[in-house]
Amino acid sequence: MDAYLEQYAAVGAIVVAGVLLATAMLGVNRLMRPQVASRDKLTTYESGVDPVGQGWSQSTVRYYVYAFLYVIFAVDAVFLFPWALVLEQIGHAAAVEMGVFVGVLAVGLAYAWRKGVLSWT
């Protein structure tokens, strides 16, 4: 039982050391940084252009749909590559399961395409 608790003690010591190191680095940074406040430093930086108008703006949900679709198909690629490497060892049942998985993704993509979600403008 003592060896079991010693392993937790080692993990706890590493966590404590990490927290202390991060705190020390942030503290040294705070002490060494220049603290010259000016009006220009307090303004919003907008790619080198002075900000004009309100900070709030409407954006369409279409951009989020594109990002979401990208994430879905990126995850799909992450699942496909390792599966393709071991296909011979895992058999035909796994090929059918992957076919169903890709089929569901294809149906979702076709649905989004038909609804006009993928048109950019």
Protein backbone atom coordinates (compact mmCIF):
# COMPACT_ATOMS: atom_id res chain seq x y z
CA MET A 1 0.00 0.00 0.00
CA ASP A 2 2.90 2.37 0.73
CA ALA A 3 4.31 1.98 -2.79
CA TYR A 4 0.88 2.81 -4.20
CA LEU A 5 0.68 6.05 -2.20
CA GLU A 6 4.29 6.94 -3.06
CA GLN A 7 3.31 7.01 -6.73
CA TYR A 8 0.58 9.55 -5.96
CA ALA A 9 3.07 11.54 -3.90
CA ALA A 10 5.40 11.73 -6.89
CA VAL A 11 2.57 12.94 -9.14
CA GLY A 12 1.51 15.47 -6.51
CA ALA A 13 5.08 16.75 -6.17
CA ILE A 14 5.32 17.23 -9.94
CA VAL A 15 2.00 19.12 -10.01
CA VAL A 16 3.08 21.35 -7.11
CA ALA A 17 6.45 22.01 -8.77
CA GLY A 18 4.68 22.93 -12.03
CA VAL A 19 2.31 25.34 -10.30
CA LEU A 20 5.17 26.95 -8.36
CA LEU A 21 7.27 27.31 -11.53
CA ALA A 22 4.40 28.88 -13.47
CA THR A 23 3.63 31.25 -10.60
CA ALA A 24 7.29 32.23 -10.29
CA MET A 25 7.60 32.91 -14.04
CA LEU A 26 4.45 35.05 -14.06
CA GLY A 27 5.67 36.95 -10.99
CA VAL A 28 9.09 37.65 -12.52
CA ASN A 29 7.40 38.78 -15.72
CA ARG A 30 5.20 41.18 -13.78
CA LEU A 31 8.20 42.64 -11.97
CA MET A 32 10.37 43.07 -15.08
CA ARG A 33 7.86 44.37 -17.61
CA PRO A 34 7.84 48.04 -18.56
CA GLN A 35 4.86 49.84 -17.08
CA VAL A 36 4.55 52.97 -19.20
CA ALA A 37 0.86 53.57 -19.77
CA SER A 38 -0.25 55.68 -22.68
CA ARG A 39 -3.50 56.39 -24.46
CA ASP A 40 -2.32 54.53 -27.57
CA LYS A 41 -1.66 51.35 -25.60
CA LEU A 42 -5.17 51.37 -24.19
CA THR A 43 -6.96 51.59 -27.57
CA THR A 44 -8.24 48.57 -29.41
CA TYR A 45 -5.80 47.33 -32.02
CA GLU A 46 -7.46 46.46 -35.30
CA SER A 47 -4.75 45.29 -37.73
CA GLY A 48 -2.98 48.63 -37.64
CA VAL A 49 -6.11 50.58 -38.49
CA ASP A 50 -7.73 52.91 -35.98
CA PRO A 51 -11.02 51.40 -34.81
CA VAL A 52 -14.10 53.14 -36.20
CA GLY A 53 -17.67 52.70 -35.00
CA GLN A 54 -19.08 50.23 -32.50
CA GLY A 55 -17.31 47.12 -31.30
CA TRP A 56 -20.34 44.93 -31.94
CA SER A 57 -21.15 43.60 -35.37
CA GLN A 58 -23.42 40.94 -36.77
CA SER A 59 -21.85 37.91 -38.40
CA THR A 60 -23.73 35.21 -40.19
CA VAL A 61 -23.95 31.73 -38.79
CA ARG A 62 -22.65 30.42 -42.10
CA TYR A 63 -19.03 30.93 -41.02
CA TYR A 64 -19.60 28.76 -37.98
CA VAL A 65 -21.20 26.07 -40.14
CA TYR A 66 -18.10 26.00 -42.35
CA ALA A 67 -15.88 25.70 -39.28
CA PHE A 68 -18.06 22.95 -37.86
CA LEU A 69 -18.03 21.01 -41.13
CA TYR A 70 -14.26 21.34 -41.29
CA VAL A 71 -13.92 19.92 -37.79
CA ILE A 72 -16.24 17.03 -38.63
CA PHE A 73 -14.29 16.05 -41.72
CA ALA A 74 -10.94 16.55 -40.01
CA VAL A 75 -12.04 14.13 -37.28
CA ASP A 76 -13.22 11.77 -40.01
CA ALA A 77 -9.74 11.84 -41.55
CA VAL A 78 -8.19 11.17 -38.13
CA PHE A 79 -10.34 8.03 -37.84
CA LEU A 80 -9.77 6.87 -41.43
CA PHE A 81 -5.96 6.80 -41.52
CA PRO A 82 -5.35 4.40 -38.59
CA TRP A 83 -8.30 2.28 -39.70
CA ALA A 84 -6.84 1.92 -43.20
CA LEU A 85 -3.52 0.75 -41.77
CA VAL A 86 -5.04 -2.15 -39.83
CA LEU A 87 -7.88 -3.05 -42.20
CA GLU A 88 -6.47 -6.48 -43.07
CA GLN A 89 -6.17 -7.48 -39.40
CA ILE A 90 -9.63 -6.34 -38.31
CA GLY A 91 -11.64 -7.87 -41.15
CA HIS A 92 -14.66 -7.13 -43.28
CA ALA A 93 -16.99 -6.23 -40.40
CA ALA A 94 -14.85 -3.17 -39.67
CA ALA A 95 -15.03 -2.20 -43.35
CA VAL A 96 -18.83 -2.31 -43.17
CA GLU A 97 -18.83 -0.23 -39.98
CA MET A 98 -16.55 2.37 -41.56
CA GLY A 99 -18.79 2.40 -44.61
CA VAL A 100 -21.77 3.20 -42.38
CA PHE A 101 -19.74 5.94 -40.65
CA VAL A 102 -18.71 7.56 -43.94
CA GLY A 103 -22.26 7.09 -45.25
CA VAL A 104 -23.74 9.02 -42.32
CA LEU A 105 -21.23 11.81 -42.95
CA ALA A 106 -22.12 11.82 -46.66
CA VAL A 107 -25.85 12.04 -45.87
CA GLY A 108 -25.17 14.98 -43.53
CA LEU A 109 -23.08 16.73 -46.16
CA ALA A 110 -25.75 16.15 -48.83
CA TYR A 111 -28.41 17.53 -46.47
CA ALA A 112 -26.33 20.66 -45.77
CA TRP A 113 -25.65 21.10 -49.48
CA ARG A 114 -29.35 20.72 -50.39
CA LYS A 115 -30.41 23.22 -47.72
CA GLY A 116 -28.02 25.78 -49.24
CA VAL A 117 -25.84 26.04 -46.16
CA LEU A 118 -22.66 25.61 -48.18
CA SER A 119 -23.21 28.57 -50.49
CA TRP A 120 -20.77 31.28 -49.45
CA THR A 121 -22.82 34.34 -50.40
